Amino acid sequence: LRALSRGLDSLPPEEQQALREVKEQHYADWPGRPLPALGGKTAREAVRSRTGRDQVDALLKDIEHREALLPAAERFDVSVLRRTLGL
């Protein structure tokens, strides 16, 4: 993955911007979308319980880890989701 990520550094800035915009659109409604990893609950529903908060936190950590492997110009700021969900 790291080698693949380095190859993405060569994308033109407008393509990197387009990728960020797609991610922003995807994650804009992510907190309200039922997720199999949460037993069909949405992240907003799941964070209401301690177990659910832990599960959502684990999902967000996974997203953060994957984003960290990408070139900086292409990364999604997962803290947006954390703030939205009160985490």
PDB file of N, CA and C in Angstrom:
ATOM      1  N   LEU A   1       0.810  -1.201   0.000  1.00  0.00           N
ATOM      2  CA  LEU A   1       0.000   0.000   0.000  1.00  0.00           C
ATOM      3  C   LEU A   1       0.849   1.258   0.000  1.00  0.00           C
ATOM      4  N   ARG A   2       1.930   1.234   0.733  1.00  0.00           N
ATOM      5  CA  ARG A   2       2.766   2.425   0.813  1.00  0.00           C
ATOM      6  C   ARG A   2       3.312   2.799  -0.559  1.00  0.00           C
ATOM      7  N   ALA A   3       3.753   1.811  -1.333  1.00  0.00           N
ATOM      8  CA  ALA A   3       4.254   2.101  -2.680  1.00  0.00           C
ATOM      9  C   ALA A   3       3.136   2.660  -3.549  1.00  0.00           C
ATOM     10  N   LEU A   4       1.959   2.101  -3.416  1.00  0.00           N
ATOM     11  CA  LEU A   4       0.811   2.591  -4.171  1.00  0.00           C
ATOM     12  C   LEU A   4       0.498   4.024  -3.767  1.00  0.00           C
ATOM     13  N   SER A   5       0.539   4.310  -2.485  1.00  0.00           N
ATOM     14  CA  SER A   5       0.256   5.655  -1.998  1.00  0.00           C
ATOM     15  C   SER A   5       1.251   6.658  -2.555  1.00  0.00           C
ATOM     16  N   ARG A   6       2.509   6.283  -2.600  1.00  0.00           N
ATOM     17  CA  ARG A   6       3.514   7.196  -3.146  1.00  0.00           C
ATOM     18  C   ARG A   6       3.225   7.518  -4.600  1.00  0.00           C
ATOM     19  N   GLY A   7       2.707   6.554  -5.331  1.00  0.00           N
ATOM     20  CA  GLY A   7       2.379   6.790  -6.729  1.00  0.00           C
ATOM     21  C   GLY A   7       1.266   7.800  -6.900  1.00  0.00           C
ATOM     22  N   LEU A   8       0.400   7.924  -5.903  1.00  0.00           N
ATOM     23  CA  LEU A   8      -0.696   8.875  -5.986  1.00  0.00           C
ATOM     24  C   LEU A   8      -0.229  10.302  -5.792  1.00  0.00           C
ATOM     25  N   ASP A   9       0.970  10.505  -5.241  1.00  0.00           N
ATOM     26  CA  ASP A   9       1.500  11.853  -5.082  1.00  0.00           C
ATOM     27  C   ASP A   9       1.622  12.553  -6.422  1.00  0.00           C
ATOM     28  N   SER A  10       1.730  11.784  -7.478  1.00  0.00           N
ATOM     29  CA  SER A  10       1.930  12.380  -8.792  1.00  0.00           C
ATOM     30  C   SER A  10       0.620  12.797  -9.458  1.00  0.00           C
ATOM     31  N   LEU A  11      -0.523  12.566  -8.817  1.00  0.00           N
ATOM     32  CA  LEU A  11      -1.791  13.009  -9.381  1.00  0.00           C
ATOM     33  C   LEU A  11      -1.818  14.525  -9.434  1.00  0.00           C
ATOM     34  N   PRO A  12      -2.403  15.058 -10.472  1.00  0.00           N
ATOM     35  CA  PRO A  12      -2.534  16.520 -10.550  1.00  0.00           C
ATOM     36  C   PRO A  12      -3.382  17.037  -9.380  1.00  0.00           C
ATOM     37  N   PRO A  13      -3.125  18.249  -8.937  1.00  0.00           N
ATOM     38  CA  PRO A  13      -3.867  18.805  -7.793  1.00  0.00           C
ATOM     39  C   PRO A  13      -5.384  18.759  -7.970  1.00  0.00           C
ATOM     40  N   GLU A  14      -5.890  18.958  -9.170  1.00  0.00           N
ATOM     41  CA  GLU A  14      -7.344  18.937  -9.374  1.00  0.00           C
ATOM     42  C   GLU A  14      -7.915  17.533  -9.155  1.00  0.00           C
ATOM     43  N   GLU A  15      -7.149  16.495  -9.456  1.00  0.00           N
ATOM     44  CA  GLU A  15      -7.603  15.123  -9.209  1.00  0.00           C
ATOM     45  C   GLU A  15      -7.550  14.807  -7.710  1.00  0.00           C
ATOM     46  N   GLN A  16      -6.525  15.295  -7.034  1.00  0.00           N
ATOM     47  CA  GLN A  16      -6.461  15.106  -5.579  1.00  0.00           C
ATOM     48  C   GLN A  16      -7.641  15.807  -4.918  1.00  0.00           C
ATOM     49  N   GLN A  17      -7.972  17.016  -5.386  1.00  0.00           N
ATOM     50  CA  GLN A  17      -9.118  17.746  -4.848  1.00  0.00           C
ATOM     51  C   GLN A  17     -10.412  16.978  -5.097  1.00  0.00           C
ATOM     52  N   ALA A  18     -10.562  16.406  -6.294  1.00  0.00           N
ATOM     53  CA  ALA A  18     -11.761  15.632  -6.625  1.00  0.00           C
ATOM     54  C   ALA A  18     -11.896  14.429  -5.695  1.00  0.00           C
ATOM     55  N   LEU A  19     -10.791  13.752  -5.400  1.00  0.00           N
ATOM     56  CA  LEU A  19     -10.829  12.606  -4.489  1.00  0.00           C
ATOM     57  C   LEU A  19     -11.251  13.033  -3.085  1.00  0.00           C
ATOM     58  N   ARG A  20     -10.722  14.157  -2.615  1.00  0.00           N
ATOM     59  CA  ARG A  20     -11.112  14.659  -1.291  1.00  0.00           C
ATOM     60  C   ARG A  20     -12.603  14.988  -1.262  1.00  0.00           C
ATOM     61  N   GLU A  21     -13.108  15.587  -2.331  1.00  0.00           N
ATOM     62  CA  GLU A  21     -14.520  15.947  -2.387  1.00  0.00           C
ATOM     63  C   GLU A  21     -15.424  14.715  -2.367  1.00  0.00           C
ATOM     64  N   VAL A  22     -15.017  13.663  -3.063  1.00  0.00           N
ATOM     65  CA  VAL A  22     -15.792  12.413  -3.044  1.00  0.00           C
ATOM     66  C   VAL A  22     -15.832  11.848  -1.625  1.00  0.00           C
ATOM     67  N   LYS A  23     -14.699  11.875  -0.950  1.00  0.00           N
ATOM     68  CA  LYS A  23     -14.655  11.380   0.437  1.00  0.00           C
ATOM     69  C   LYS A  23     -15.534  12.232   1.344  1.00  0.00           C
ATOM     70  N   GLU A  24     -15.468  13.553   1.171  1.00  0.00           N
ATOM     71  CA  GLU A  24     -16.288  14.438   2.002  1.00  0.00           C
ATOM     72  C   GLU A  24     -17.769  14.147   1.802  1.00  0.00           C
ATOM     73  N   GLN A  25     -18.176  13.910   0.566  1.00  0.00           N
ATOM     74  CA  GLN A  25     -19.575  13.570   0.284  1.00  0.00           C
ATOM     75  C   GLN A  25     -19.943  12.231   0.924  1.00  0.00           C
ATOM     76  N   HIS A  26     -19.046  11.257   0.778  1.00  0.00           N
ATOM     77  CA  HIS A  26     -19.294   9.927   1.346  1.00  0.00           C
ATOM     78  C   HIS A  26     -19.454  10.000   2.864  1.00  0.00           C
ATOM     79  N   TYR A  27     -18.529  10.691   3.525  1.00  0.00           N
ATOM     80  CA  TYR A  27     -18.545  10.734   4.981  1.00  0.00           C
ATOM     81  C   TYR A  27     -19.560  11.723   5.542  1.00  0.00           C
ATOM     82  N   ALA A  28     -20.121  12.599   4.714  1.00  0.00           N
ATOM     83  CA  ALA A  28     -21.129  13.552   5.196  1.00  0.00           C
ATOM     84  C   ALA A  28     -22.354  12.826   5.753  1.00  0.00           C
ATOM     85  N   ASP A  29     -22.753  11.731   5.105  1.00  0.00           N
ATOM     86  CA  ASP A  29     -23.922  10.999   5.597  1.00  0.00           C
ATOM     87  C   ASP A  29     -23.557   9.686   6.284  1.00  0.00           C
ATOM     88  N   TRP A  30     -22.282   9.403   6.417  1.00  0.00           N
ATOM     89  CA  TRP A  30     -21.816   8.169   7.056  1.00  0.00           C
ATOM     90  C   TRP A  30     -22.379   7.986   8.467  1.00  0.00           C
ATOM     91  N   PRO A  31     -22.417   9.035   9.313  1.00  0.00           N
ATOM     92  CA  PRO A  31     -22.937   8.828  10.670  1.00  0.00           C
ATOM     93  C   PRO A  31     -24.397   8.368  10.714  1.00  0.00           C
ATOM     94  N   GLY A  32     -25.172   8.646   9.676  1.00  0.00           N
ATOM     95  CA  GLY A  32     -26.573   8.269   9.659  1.00  0.00           C
ATOM     96  C   GLY A  32     -26.895   7.056   8.811  1.00  0.00           C
ATOM     97  N   ARG A  33     -25.869   6.411   8.299  1.00  0.00           N
ATOM     98  CA  ARG A  33     -26.063   5.239   7.437  1.00  0.00           C
ATOM     99  C   ARG A  33     -25.926   3.952   8.259  1.00  0.00           C
ATOM    100  N   PRO A  34     -26.904   3.028   8.166  1.00  0.00           N
ATOM    101  CA  PRO A  34     -26.763   1.746   8.875  1.00  0.00           C
ATOM    102  C   PRO A  34     -25.501   1.005   8.403  1.00  0.00           C
ATOM    103  N   LEU A  35     -24.736   0.517   9.359  1.00  0.00           N
ATOM    104  CA  LEU A  35     -23.466  -0.138   9.040  1.00  0.00           C
ATOM    105  C   LEU A  35     -23.459  -1.579   9.533  1.00  0.00           C
ATOM    106  N   PRO A  36     -23.098  -2.530   8.671  1.00  0.00           N
ATOM    107  CA  PRO A  36     -23.014  -3.929   9.094  1.00  0.00           C
ATOM    108  C   PRO A  36     -22.082  -4.121  10.291  1.00  0.00           C
ATOM    109  N   ALA A  37     -20.989  -3.364  10.329  1.00  0.00           N
ATOM    110  CA  ALA A  37     -20.027  -3.500  11.431  1.00  0.00           C
ATOM    111  C   ALA A  37     -20.630  -3.095  12.777  1.00  0.00           C
ATOM    112  N   LEU A  38     -21.758  -2.383  12.726  1.00  0.00           N
ATOM    113  CA  LEU A  38     -22.433  -1.957  13.952  1.00  0.00           C
ATOM    114  C   LEU A  38     -23.750  -2.696  14.125  1.00  0.00           C
ATOM    115  N   GLY A  39     -23.858  -3.855  13.506  1.00  0.00           N
ATOM    116  CA  GLY A  39     -25.075  -4.660  13.615  1.00  0.00           C
ATOM    117  C   GLY A  39     -26.279  -3.996  12.974  1.00  0.00           C
ATOM    118  N   GLY A  40     -26.033  -3.191  11.940  1.00  0.00           N
ATOM    119  CA  GLY A  40     -27.125  -2.510  11.249  1.00  0.00           C
ATOM    120  C   GLY A  40     -27.505  -1.168  11.848  1.00  0.00           C
ATOM    121  N   LYS A  41     -26.876  -0.801  12.956  1.00  0.00           N
ATOM    122  CA  LYS A  41     -27.122   0.511  13.551  1.00  0.00           C
ATOM    123  C   LYS A  41     -26.324   1.565  12.807  1.00  0.00           C
ATOM    124  N   THR A  42     -26.766   2.794  12.937  1.00  0.00           N
ATOM    125  CA  THR A  42     -25.965   3.901  12.429  1.00  0.00           C
ATOM    126  C   THR A  42     -24.938   4.269  13.502  1.00  0.00           C
ATOM    127  N   ALA A  43     -23.917   4.997  13.110  1.00  0.00           N
ATOM    128  CA  ALA A  43     -22.926   5.451  14.091  1.00  0.00           C
ATOM    129  C   ALA A  43     -23.594   6.357  15.123  1.00  0.00           C
ATOM    130  N   ARG A  44     -24.542   7.194  14.678  1.00  0.00           N
ATOM    131  CA  ARG A  44     -25.261   8.072  15.621  1.00  0.00           C
ATOM    132  C   ARG A  44     -26.025   7.252  16.665  1.00  0.00           C
ATOM    133  N   GLU A  45     -26.626   6.167  16.234  1.00  0.00           N
ATOM    134  CA  GLU A  45     -27.343   5.294  17.183  1.00  0.00           C
ATOM    135  C   GLU A  45     -26.358   4.580  18.099  1.00  0.00           C
ATOM    136  N   ALA A  46     -25.291   4.076  17.523  1.00  0.00           N
ATOM    137  CA  ALA A  46     -24.340   3.257  18.273  1.00  0.00           C
ATOM    138  C   ALA A  46     -23.643   4.036  19.388  1.00  0.00           C
ATOM    139  N   VAL A  47     -23.338   5.322  19.153  1.00  0.00           N
ATOM    140  CA  VAL A  47     -22.587   6.070  20.165  1.00  0.00           C
ATOM    141  C   VAL A  47     -23.396   6.345  21.427  1.00  0.00           C
ATOM    142  N   ARG A  48     -24.642   5.970  21.435  1.00  0.00           N
ATOM    143  CA  ARG A  48     -25.491   6.173  22.619  1.00  0.00           C
ATOM    144  C   ARG A  48     -25.177   5.187  23.742  1.00  0.00           C
ATOM    145  N   SER A  49     -24.466   4.110  23.413  1.00  0.00           N
ATOM    146  CA  SER A  49     -24.078   3.144  24.448  1.00  0.00           C
ATOM    147  C   SER A  49     -22.554   3.070  24.515  1.00  0.00           C
ATOM    148  N   ARG A  50     -22.057   2.606  25.646  1.00  0.00           N
ATOM    149  CA  ARG A  50     -20.601   2.489  25.831  1.00  0.00           C
ATOM    150  C   ARG A  50     -19.996   1.526  24.807  1.00  0.00           C
ATOM    151  N   THR A  51     -20.638   0.382  24.640  1.00  0.00           N
ATOM    152  CA  THR A  51     -20.142  -0.612  23.674  1.00  0.00           C
ATOM    153  C   THR A  51     -20.161  -0.032  22.262  1.00  0.00           C
ATOM    154  N   GLY A  52     -21.245   0.633  21.922  1.00  0.00           N
ATOM    155  CA  GLY A  52     -21.360   1.240  20.596  1.00  0.00           C
ATOM    156  C   GLY A  52     -20.312   2.311  20.362  1.00  0.00           C
ATOM    157  N   ARG A  53     -20.060   3.152  21.392  1.00  0.00           N
ATOM    158  CA  ARG A  53     -19.007   4.178  21.261  1.00  0.00           C
ATOM    159  C   ARG A  53     -17.664   3.522  20.987  1.00  0.00           C
ATOM    160  N   ASP A  54     -17.385   2.439  21.695  1.00  0.00           N
ATOM    161  CA  ASP A  54     -16.124   1.732  21.482  1.00  0.00           C
ATOM    162  C   ASP A  54     -16.034   1.177  20.060  1.00  0.00           C
ATOM    163  N   GLN A  55     -17.147   0.645  19.564  1.00  0.00           N
ATOM    164  CA  GLN A  55     -17.161   0.103  18.194  1.00  0.00           C
ATOM    165  C   GLN A  55     -16.966   1.210  17.167  1.00  0.00           C
ATOM    166  N   VAL A  56     -17.647   2.325  17.351  1.00  0.00           N
ATOM    167  CA  VAL A  56     -17.507   3.448  16.420  1.00  0.00           C
ATOM    168  C   VAL A  56     -16.082   3.991  16.478  1.00  0.00           C
ATOM    169  N   ASP A  57     -15.537   4.102  17.681  1.00  0.00           N
ATOM    170  CA  ASP A  57     -14.157   4.566  17.824  1.00  0.00           C
ATOM    171  C   ASP A  57     -13.199   3.651  17.068  1.00  0.00           C
ATOM    172  N   ALA A  58     -13.410   2.345  17.159  1.00  0.00           N
ATOM    173  CA  ALA A  58     -12.544   1.399  16.436  1.00  0.00           C
ATOM    174  C   ALA A  58     -12.672   1.594  14.925  1.00  0.00           C
ATOM    175  N   LEU A  59     -13.887   1.817  14.440  1.00  0.00           N
ATOM    176  CA  LEU A  59     -14.076   2.074  13.002  1.00  0.00           C
ATOM    177  C   LEU A  59     -13.354   3.346  12.586  1.00  0.00           C
ATOM    178  N   LEU A  60     -13.476   4.391  13.390  1.00  0.00           N
ATOM    179  CA  LEU A  60     -12.822   5.651  13.058  1.00  0.00           C
ATOM    180  C   LEU A  60     -11.305   5.520  13.096  1.00  0.00           C
ATOM    181  N   LYS A  61     -10.792   4.754  14.041  1.00  0.00           N
ATOM    182  CA  LYS A  61      -9.341   4.523  14.087  1.00  0.00           C
ATOM    183  C   LYS A  61      -8.874   3.800  12.831  1.00  0.00           C
ATOM    184  N   ASP A  62      -9.670   2.858  12.344  1.00  0.00           N
ATOM    185  CA  ASP A  62      -9.327   2.154  11.113  1.00  0.00           C
ATOM    186  C   ASP A  62      -9.311   3.123   9.929  1.00  0.00           C
ATOM    187  N   ILE A  63     -10.306   3.979   9.851  1.00  0.00           N
ATOM    188  CA  ILE A  63     -10.348   4.970   8.767  1.00  0.00           C
ATOM    189  C   ILE A  63      -9.133   5.900   8.872  1.00  0.00           C
ATOM    190  N   GLU A  64      -8.828   6.360  10.091  1.00  0.00           N
ATOM    191  CA  GLU A  64      -7.670   7.239  10.293  1.00  0.00           C
ATOM    192  C   GLU A  64      -6.378   6.561   9.851  1.00  0.00           C
ATOM    193  N   HIS A  65      -6.246   5.294  10.193  1.00  0.00           N
ATOM    194  CA  HIS A  65      -5.038   4.558   9.807  1.00  0.00           C
ATOM    195  C   HIS A  65      -4.900   4.486   8.284  1.00  0.00           C
ATOM    196  N   ARG A  66      -6.007   4.147   7.618  1.00  0.00           N
ATOM    197  CA  ARG A  66      -5.958   4.047   6.149  1.00  0.00           C
ATOM    198  C   ARG A  66      -5.685   5.402   5.503  1.00  0.00           C
ATOM    199  N   GLU A  67      -6.287   6.444   6.050  1.00  0.00           N
ATOM    200  CA  GLU A  67      -6.067   7.789   5.504  1.00  0.00           C
ATOM    201  C   GLU A  67      -4.618   8.226   5.696  1.00  0.00           C
ATOM    202  N   ALA A  68      -4.008   7.847   6.812  1.00  0.00           N
ATOM    203  CA  ALA A  68      -2.625   8.231   7.094  1.00  0.00           C
ATOM    204  C   ALA A  68      -1.646   7.653   6.075  1.00  0.00           C
ATOM    205  N   LEU A  69      -2.035   6.590   5.395  1.00  0.00           N
ATOM    206  CA  LEU A  69      -1.169   5.983   4.393  1.00  0.00           C
ATOM    207  C   LEU A  69      -1.190   6.731   3.064  1.00  0.00           C
ATOM    208  N   LEU A  70      -2.129   7.638   2.921  1.00  0.00           N
ATOM    209  CA  LEU A  70      -2.303   8.369   1.661  1.00  0.00           C
ATOM    210  C   LEU A  70      -1.510   9.669   1.664  1.00  0.00           C
ATOM    211  N   PRO A  71      -1.260  10.212   0.485  1.00  0.00           N
ATOM    212  CA  PRO A  71      -0.611  11.526   0.425  1.00  0.00           C
ATOM    213  C   PRO A  71      -1.464  12.561   1.163  1.00  0.00           C
ATOM    214  N   ALA A  72      -0.810  13.499   1.808  1.00  0.00           N
ATOM    215  CA  ALA A  72      -1.511  14.488   2.629  1.00  0.00           C
ATOM    216  C   ALA A  72      -2.606  15.220   1.856  1.00  0.00           C
ATOM    217  N   ALA A  73      -2.371  15.511   0.604  1.00  0.00           N
ATOM    218  CA  ALA A  73      -3.339  16.272  -0.193  1.00  0.00           C
ATOM    219  C   ALA A  73      -4.619  15.497  -0.477  1.00  0.00           C
ATOM    220  N   GLU A  74      -4.613  14.222  -0.175  1.00  0.00           N
ATOM    221  CA  GLU A  74      -5.753  13.365  -0.499  1.00  0.00           C
ATOM    222  C   GLU A  74      -6.504  12.869   0.738  1.00  0.00           C
ATOM    223  N   ARG A  75      -5.968  13.120   1.910  1.00  0.00           N
ATOM    224  CA  ARG A  75      -6.532  12.575   3.149  1.00  0.00           C
ATOM    225  C   ARG A  75      -7.834  13.261   3.561  1.00  0.00           C
ATOM    226  N   PHE A  76      -8.717  12.449   4.131  1.00  0.00           N
ATOM    227  CA  PHE A  76      -9.930  12.968   4.746  1.00  0.00           C
ATOM    228  C   PHE A  76      -9.650  13.195   6.228  1.00  0.00           C
ATOM    229  N   ASP A  77     -10.096  14.303   6.769  1.00  0.00           N
ATOM    230  CA  ASP A  77      -9.893  14.631   8.174  1.00  0.00           C
ATOM    231  C   ASP A  77     -10.978  13.955   9.009  1.00  0.00           C
ATOM    232  N   VAL A  78     -10.628  12.837   9.608  1.00  0.00           N
ATOM    233  CA  VAL A  78     -11.576  12.016  10.365  1.00  0.00           C
ATOM    234  C   VAL A  78     -12.064  12.730  11.621  1.00  0.00           C
ATOM    235  N   SER A  79     -11.358  13.749  12.061  1.00  0.00           N
ATOM    236  CA  SER A  79     -11.810  14.488  13.242  1.00  0.00           C
ATOM    237  C   SER A  79     -13.176  15.134  12.996  1.00  0.00           C
ATOM    238  N   VAL A  80     -13.522  15.355  11.738  1.00  0.00           N
ATOM    239  CA  VAL A  80     -14.851  15.869  11.388  1.00  0.00           C
ATOM    240  C   VAL A  80     -15.922  14.887  11.872  1.00  0.00           C
ATOM    241  N   LEU A  81     -15.705  13.593  11.628  1.00  0.00           N
ATOM    242  CA  LEU A  81     -16.652  12.576  12.075  1.00  0.00           C
ATOM    243  C   LEU A  81     -16.671  12.482  13.590  1.00  0.00           C
ATOM    244  N   ARG A  82     -15.514  12.579  14.210  1.00  0.00           N
ATOM    245  CA  ARG A  82     -15.439  12.509  15.673  1.00  0.00           C
ATOM    246  C   ARG A  82     -16.251  13.645  16.301  1.00  0.00           C
ATOM    247  N   ARG A  83     -16.101  14.853  15.763  1.00  0.00           N
ATOM    248  CA  ARG A  83     -16.875  15.993  16.283  1.00  0.00           C
ATOM    249  C   ARG A  83     -18.374  15.790  16.053  1.00  0.00           C
ATOM    250  N   THR A  84     -18.732  15.345  14.865  1.00  0.00           N
ATOM    251  CA  THR A  84     -20.135  15.120  14.543  1.00  0.00           C
ATOM    252  C   THR A  84     -20.787  14.137  15.507  1.00  0.00           C
ATOM    253  N   LEU A  85     -20.022  13.118  15.906  1.00  0.00           N
ATOM    254  CA  LEU A  85     -20.530  12.065  16.765  1.00  0.00           C
ATOM    255  C   LEU A  85     -20.269  12.312  18.256  1.00  0.00           C
ATOM    256  N   GLY A  86     -19.636  13.424  18.560  1.00  0.00           N
ATOM    257  CA  GLY A  86     -19.359  13.744  19.961  1.00  0.00           C
ATOM    258  C   GLY A  86     -18.301  12.866  20.591  1.00  0.00           C
ATOM    259  N   LEU A  87     -17.348  12.389  19.787  1.00  0.00           N
ATOM    260  CA  LEU A  87     -16.278  11.527  20.301  1.00  0.00           C
ATOM    261  C   LEU A  87     -14.956  12.276  20.393  1.00  0.00           C
TER     262      LEU A  87
END
